Amino acid sequence: MIKFLIVALLTTLPVLAQTTPIPTPPVTDRERVQADRAKAAEDEKGAPSTRPWDRDADGKRPWERKSSKP
């Protein structure tokens, strides 16, 4: 019986002594979407308020009426 305990301790103690880093859980879809939305909101805050791609050559937006005055 004592021999069995000694063999059991000698085989299991090295395994128990090993330390492995705790794996981080994978990012869920919900967390990924929240991070994307937060990043987009942060980018929008830093973006200029006038967007040149929204405007024509005369500086008007496509849905704004063009004045006929020269």
N, C-alpha and C. Protein backbone atom coordinates (compact mmCIF):
# COMPACT_ATOMS: atom_id res chain seq x y z
N MET A 1 0.82 -1.19 0.00
CA MET A 1 0.00 0.00 0.00
C MET A 1 0.87 1.26 0.00
N ILE A 2 1.92 1.24 0.81
CA ILE A 2 2.80 2.40 0.88
C ILE A 2 3.52 2.58 -0.45
N LYS A 3 3.89 1.47 -1.08
CA LYS A 3 4.55 1.56 -2.39
C LYS A 3 3.61 2.20 -3.42
N PHE A 4 2.35 1.84 -3.35
CA PHE A 4 1.37 2.41 -4.28
C PHE A 4 1.24 3.92 -4.06
N LEU A 5 1.20 4.37 -2.82
CA LEU A 5 1.10 5.79 -2.53
C LEU A 5 2.35 6.54 -2.98
N ILE A 6 3.50 5.94 -2.80
CA ILE A 6 4.74 6.59 -3.24
C ILE A 6 4.76 6.73 -4.76
N VAL A 7 4.37 5.67 -5.45
CA VAL A 7 4.32 5.72 -6.91
C VAL A 7 3.29 6.74 -7.37
N ALA A 8 2.15 6.79 -6.73
CA ALA A 8 1.11 7.74 -7.09
C ALA A 8 1.59 9.18 -6.86
N LEU A 9 2.25 9.44 -5.75
CA LEU A 9 2.75 10.78 -5.48
C LEU A 9 3.86 11.17 -6.45
N LEU A 10 4.74 10.24 -6.77
CA LEU A 10 5.84 10.54 -7.68
C LEU A 10 5.34 10.80 -9.10
N THR A 11 4.24 10.21 -9.48
CA THR A 11 3.73 10.43 -10.83
C THR A 11 2.81 11.65 -10.92
N THR A 12 2.15 12.00 -9.84
CA THR A 12 1.20 13.12 -9.92
C THR A 12 1.78 14.45 -9.46
N LEU A 13 2.78 14.45 -8.58
CA LEU A 13 3.31 15.72 -8.09
C LEU A 13 3.93 16.57 -9.19
N PRO A 14 4.69 16.04 -10.13
CA PRO A 14 5.21 16.91 -11.19
C PRO A 14 4.10 17.55 -12.03
N VAL A 15 3.04 16.83 -12.23
CA VAL A 15 1.93 17.38 -13.00
C VAL A 15 1.24 18.49 -12.23
N LEU A 16 1.08 18.32 -10.95
CA LEU A 16 0.43 19.34 -10.13
C LEU A 16 1.32 20.57 -9.95
N ALA A 17 2.61 20.40 -10.07
CA ALA A 17 3.52 21.52 -9.89
C ALA A 17 3.58 22.43 -11.11
N GLN A 18 3.13 21.97 -12.24
CA GLN A 18 3.19 22.78 -13.46
C GLN A 18 2.19 23.93 -13.36
N THR A 19 2.66 25.09 -13.73
CA THR A 19 1.76 26.24 -13.75
C THR A 19 1.56 26.66 -15.20
N THR A 20 0.34 26.77 -15.58
CA THR A 20 0.01 27.19 -16.94
C THR A 20 -0.70 28.53 -16.84
N PRO A 21 -0.42 29.42 -17.78
CA PRO A 21 -1.15 30.69 -17.74
C PRO A 21 -2.63 30.45 -17.98
N ILE A 22 -3.42 31.23 -17.31
CA ILE A 22 -4.87 31.11 -17.47
C ILE A 22 -5.24 31.64 -18.85
N PRO A 23 -5.82 30.80 -19.69
CA PRO A 23 -6.17 31.28 -21.03
C PRO A 23 -7.30 32.29 -20.96
N THR A 24 -7.17 33.33 -21.77
CA THR A 24 -8.23 34.32 -21.82
C THR A 24 -9.39 33.76 -22.63
N PRO A 25 -10.59 33.98 -22.19
CA PRO A 25 -11.73 33.47 -22.94
C PRO A 25 -11.83 34.19 -24.29
N PRO A 26 -12.31 33.51 -25.30
CA PRO A 26 -12.42 34.18 -26.61
C PRO A 26 -13.43 35.33 -26.56
N VAL A 27 -13.19 36.31 -27.39
CA VAL A 27 -14.07 37.47 -27.44
C VAL A 27 -15.39 37.05 -28.11
N THR A 28 -16.48 37.40 -27.47
CA THR A 28 -17.78 37.04 -28.03
C THR A 28 -18.16 38.02 -29.13
N ASP A 29 -19.13 37.64 -29.91
CA ASP A 29 -19.61 38.51 -30.99
C ASP A 29 -20.14 39.83 -30.43
N ARG A 30 -20.83 39.75 -29.32
CA ARG A 30 -21.41 40.95 -28.71
C ARG A 30 -20.30 41.93 -28.29
N GLU A 31 -19.25 41.40 -27.65
CA GLU A 31 -18.14 42.26 -27.23
C GLU A 31 -17.43 42.85 -28.44
N ARG A 32 -17.31 42.08 -29.51
CA ARG A 32 -16.66 42.58 -30.72
C ARG A 32 -17.47 43.72 -31.33
N VAL A 33 -18.79 43.58 -31.36
CA VAL A 33 -19.66 44.63 -31.91
C VAL A 33 -19.58 45.88 -31.05
N GLN A 34 -19.60 45.70 -29.72
CA GLN A 34 -19.50 46.85 -28.83
C GLN A 34 -18.18 47.58 -29.02
N ALA A 35 -17.10 46.84 -29.20
CA ALA A 35 -15.79 47.47 -29.41
C ALA A 35 -15.77 48.21 -30.74
N ASP A 36 -16.37 47.61 -31.78
CA ASP A 36 -16.42 48.28 -33.08
C ASP A 36 -17.23 49.57 -33.01
N ARG A 37 -18.36 49.53 -32.31
CA ARG A 37 -19.19 50.73 -32.19
C ARG A 37 -18.48 51.82 -31.39
N ALA A 38 -17.79 51.42 -30.33
CA ALA A 38 -17.05 52.40 -29.53
C ALA A 38 -15.94 53.03 -30.35
N LYS A 39 -15.27 52.22 -31.16
CA LYS A 39 -14.19 52.75 -32.00
C LYS A 39 -14.76 53.70 -33.05
N ALA A 40 -15.90 53.34 -33.64
CA ALA A 40 -16.52 54.20 -34.65
C ALA A 40 -16.96 55.52 -34.03
N ALA A 41 -17.51 55.48 -32.82
CA ALA A 41 -17.93 56.71 -32.14
C ALA A 41 -16.72 57.58 -31.83
N GLU A 42 -15.62 56.97 -31.42
CA GLU A 42 -14.41 57.74 -31.13
C GLU A 42 -13.84 58.35 -32.40
N ASP A 43 -13.88 57.59 -33.49
CA ASP A 43 -13.40 58.13 -34.77
C ASP A 43 -14.27 59.28 -35.25
N GLU A 44 -15.57 59.18 -35.01
CA GLU A 44 -16.48 60.24 -35.45
C GLU A 44 -16.26 61.52 -34.67
N LYS A 45 -15.92 61.39 -33.38
CA LYS A 45 -15.65 62.58 -32.58
C LYS A 45 -14.43 63.32 -33.11
N GLY A 46 -13.43 62.59 -33.54
CA GLY A 46 -12.21 63.21 -34.01
C GLY A 46 -12.25 63.63 -35.46
N ALA A 47 -13.26 63.21 -36.18
CA ALA A 47 -13.36 63.52 -37.61
C ALA A 47 -13.82 64.97 -37.81
N PRO A 48 -13.41 65.58 -38.88
CA PRO A 48 -13.89 66.94 -39.15
C PRO A 48 -15.39 66.92 -39.44
N SER A 49 -16.06 68.01 -39.09
CA SER A 49 -17.51 68.04 -39.25
C SER A 49 -17.91 68.20 -40.72
N THR A 50 -17.07 68.80 -41.52
CA THR A 50 -17.38 68.92 -42.95
C THR A 50 -16.70 67.79 -43.68
N ARG A 51 -17.46 67.10 -44.44
CA ARG A 51 -16.92 65.98 -45.19
C ARG A 51 -16.85 66.37 -46.66
N PRO A 52 -15.68 66.46 -47.22
CA PRO A 52 -15.56 66.94 -48.60
C PRO A 52 -16.22 66.00 -49.61
N TRP A 53 -16.35 64.74 -49.30
CA TRP A 53 -16.95 63.84 -50.28
C TRP A 53 -18.47 64.00 -50.37
N ASP A 54 -19.07 64.74 -49.43
CA ASP A 54 -20.51 64.99 -49.48
C ASP A 54 -20.86 66.16 -50.39
N ARG A 55 -19.89 66.92 -50.82
CA ARG A 55 -20.17 68.18 -51.50
C ARG A 55 -19.75 68.15 -52.97
N ASP A 56 -20.45 68.97 -53.73
CA ASP A 56 -20.10 69.13 -55.14
C ASP A 56 -18.92 70.09 -55.25
N ALA A 57 -18.58 70.43 -56.47
CA ALA A 57 -17.46 71.35 -56.70
C ALA A 57 -17.77 72.74 -56.16
N ASP A 58 -19.04 73.12 -56.11
CA ASP A 58 -19.38 74.46 -55.62
C ASP A 58 -19.60 74.48 -54.10
N GLY A 59 -19.39 73.35 -53.42
CA GLY A 59 -19.51 73.31 -51.96
C GLY A 59 -20.89 72.96 -51.46
N LYS A 60 -21.82 72.69 -52.36
CA LYS A 60 -23.19 72.34 -51.94
C LYS A 60 -23.33 70.83 -51.87
N ARG A 61 -24.21 70.40 -51.01
CA ARG A 61 -24.52 68.97 -50.94
C ARG A 61 -25.48 68.63 -52.07
N PRO A 62 -25.50 67.38 -52.50
CA PRO A 62 -26.35 67.01 -53.64
C PRO A 62 -27.84 67.30 -53.43
N TRP A 63 -28.32 67.26 -52.20
CA TRP A 63 -29.75 67.49 -51.98
C TRP A 63 -30.08 68.97 -51.75
N GLU A 64 -29.08 69.81 -51.61
CA GLU A 64 -29.35 71.24 -51.46
C GLU A 64 -29.63 71.86 -52.83
N ARG A 65 -30.56 72.82 -52.82
CA ARG A 65 -30.92 73.45 -54.09
C ARG A 65 -29.81 74.36 -54.54
N LYS A 66 -29.58 74.34 -55.79
CA LYS A 66 -28.56 75.19 -56.37
C LYS A 66 -29.18 76.55 -56.66
N SER A 67 -28.50 77.58 -56.27
CA SER A 67 -29.05 78.92 -56.53
C SER A 67 -28.75 79.30 -57.97
N SER A 68 -29.68 80.01 -58.58
CA SER A 68 -29.50 80.42 -59.97
C SER A 68 -28.81 81.77 -60.06
N LYS A 69 -28.46 82.35 -58.92
CA LYS A 69 -27.76 83.64 -58.93
C LYS A 69 -26.30 83.42 -59.33
N PRO A 70 -25.78 84.33 -60.14
CA PRO A 70 -24.38 84.17 -60.56
C PRO A 70 -23.38 84.52 -59.51
